[in-house]
Amino acid sequence: MFDTTLFESKLATSWLGRSFSFFEELPSTNSLAKKREGDNSMHGTLILTDYQSGGRGQYDRKWTVDPG
């Protein structure tokens, strides 16, 4: 399980990742970020998930990673 408190305590940046959201599972972090675009999300917002059920990379290449 991702420990948000530990993450925040180890974060050494001044702005990148200071605003973040963690989800147990998402189809795609990239898709969520695109949906949030323009909804007052801060520049440098980080979206984290333990498992992506429909992860995709550049050129819509699909990829998977086991949970955890």
C-alpha atoms as a PDB file:
ATOM      1  CA  MET A   1       0.000   0.000   0.000  1.00  0.00           C
ATOM      2  CA  PHE A   2       1.281   3.440  -0.904  1.00  0.00           C
ATOM      3  CA  ASP A   3       2.070   5.563   2.157  1.00  0.00           C
ATOM      4  CA  THR A   4       1.101   9.159   1.362  1.00  0.00           C
ATOM      5  CA  THR A   5       2.573  10.452   4.626  1.00  0.00           C
ATOM      6  CA  LEU A   6       5.948   8.853   3.898  1.00  0.00           C
ATOM      7  CA  PHE A   7       5.828  10.181   0.324  1.00  0.00           C
ATOM      8  CA  GLU A   8       5.189  13.727   1.546  1.00  0.00           C
ATOM      9  CA  SER A   9       7.977  13.492   4.136  1.00  0.00           C
ATOM     10  CA  LYS A  10      10.533  12.396   1.488  1.00  0.00           C
ATOM     11  CA  LEU A  11       9.467  14.873  -1.196  1.00  0.00           C
ATOM     12  CA  ALA A  12      12.350  17.273  -1.795  1.00  0.00           C
ATOM     13  CA  THR A  13      10.904  19.436  -4.570  1.00  0.00           C
ATOM     14  CA  SER A  14       9.599  22.962  -4.298  1.00  0.00           C
ATOM     15  CA  TRP A  15       6.607  22.490  -6.640  1.00  0.00           C
ATOM     16  CA  LEU A  16       6.677  19.231  -8.638  1.00  0.00           C
ATOM     17  CA  GLY A  17       4.504  16.604  -6.974  1.00  0.00           C
ATOM     18  CA  ARG A  18       3.432  18.887  -4.140  1.00  0.00           C
ATOM     19  CA  SER A  19      -0.150  18.391  -5.311  1.00  0.00           C
ATOM     20  CA  PHE A  20      -0.845  14.695  -5.804  1.00  0.00           C
ATOM     21  CA  SER A  21      -3.647  12.149  -5.876  1.00  0.00           C
ATOM     22  CA  PHE A  22      -3.335   8.445  -5.121  1.00  0.00           C
ATOM     23  CA  PHE A  23      -5.764   5.786  -6.347  1.00  0.00           C
ATOM     24  CA  GLU A  24      -5.791   2.037  -5.662  1.00  0.00           C
ATOM     25  CA  GLU A  25      -6.653   1.387  -9.325  1.00  0.00           C
ATOM     26  CA  LEU A  26      -7.190   3.443 -12.456  1.00  0.00           C
ATOM     27  CA  PRO A  27      -7.580   2.538 -16.091  1.00  0.00           C
ATOM     28  CA  SER A  28      -4.845   5.078 -16.936  1.00  0.00           C
ATOM     29  CA  THR A  29      -3.131   7.895 -15.034  1.00  0.00           C
ATOM     30  CA  ASN A  30      -2.582   9.660 -18.339  1.00  0.00           C
ATOM     31  CA  SER A  31      -6.289   9.560 -19.216  1.00  0.00           C
ATOM     32  CA  LEU A  32      -7.208  10.973 -15.801  1.00  0.00           C
ATOM     33  CA  ALA A  33      -4.638  13.756 -16.172  1.00  0.00           C
ATOM     34  CA  LYS A  34      -6.096  14.688 -19.562  1.00  0.00           C
ATOM     35  CA  LYS A  35      -9.624  14.773 -18.072  1.00  0.00           C
ATOM     36  CA  ARG A  36      -8.402  17.059 -15.287  1.00  0.00           C
ATOM     37  CA  GLU A  37      -6.679  19.437 -17.695  1.00  0.00           C
ATOM     38  CA  GLY A  38      -8.151  22.887 -17.222  1.00  0.00           C
ATOM     39  CA  ASP A  39      -9.981  22.104 -13.955  1.00  0.00           C
ATOM     40  CA  ASN A  40      -7.631  24.285 -11.909  1.00  0.00           C
ATOM     41  CA  SER A  41      -5.172  21.444 -11.301  1.00  0.00           C
ATOM     42  CA  MET A  42      -1.839  22.861 -10.299  1.00  0.00           C
ATOM     43  CA  HIS A  43       1.100  22.659 -12.670  1.00  0.00           C
ATOM     44  CA  GLY A  44       3.242  19.719 -11.530  1.00  0.00           C
ATOM     45  CA  THR A  45       0.348  17.707 -10.106  1.00  0.00           C
ATOM     46  CA  LEU A  46       1.226  14.030  -9.706  1.00  0.00           C
ATOM     47  CA  ILE A  47      -1.265  11.195 -10.205  1.00  0.00           C
ATOM     48  CA  LEU A  48      -0.255   7.899  -8.626  1.00  0.00           C
ATOM     49  CA  THR A  49      -1.901   4.492  -8.696  1.00  0.00           C
ATOM     50  CA  ASP A  50      -1.054   1.055  -7.381  1.00  0.00           C
ATOM     51  CA  TYR A  51      -2.449  -0.599 -10.506  1.00  0.00           C
ATOM     52  CA  GLN A  52      -3.365   0.546 -14.008  1.00  0.00           C
ATOM     53  CA  SER A  53      -5.807  -1.722 -15.805  1.00  0.00           C
ATOM     54  CA  GLY A  54      -5.355   0.031 -19.150  1.00  0.00           C
ATOM     55  CA  GLY A  55      -1.964   1.711 -19.005  1.00  0.00           C
ATOM     56  CA  ARG A  56      -0.606   3.160 -22.215  1.00  0.00           C
ATOM     57  CA  GLY A  57       2.546   4.917 -23.232  1.00  0.00           C
ATOM     58  CA  GLN A  58       3.775   6.860 -26.203  1.00  0.00           C
ATOM     59  CA  TYR A  59       2.035   6.145 -29.484  1.00  0.00           C
ATOM     60  CA  ASP A  60      -0.765   4.373 -27.551  1.00  0.00           C
ATOM     61  CA  ARG A  61       1.489   1.431 -26.731  1.00  0.00           C
ATOM     62  CA  LYS A  62      -0.218  -0.669 -24.071  1.00  0.00           C
ATOM     63  CA  TRP A  63       1.593  -1.964 -21.011  1.00  0.00           C
ATOM     64  CA  THR A  64       0.742  -3.633 -17.723  1.00  0.00           C
ATOM     65  CA  VAL A  65       2.364  -3.926 -14.309  1.00  0.00           C
ATOM     66  CA  ASP A  66       1.283  -6.242 -11.523  1.00  0.00           C
ATOM     67  CA  PRO A  67      -0.343  -4.512  -8.526  1.00  0.00           C
ATOM     68  CA  GLY A  68       2.012  -3.524  -5.733  1.00  0.00           C
END
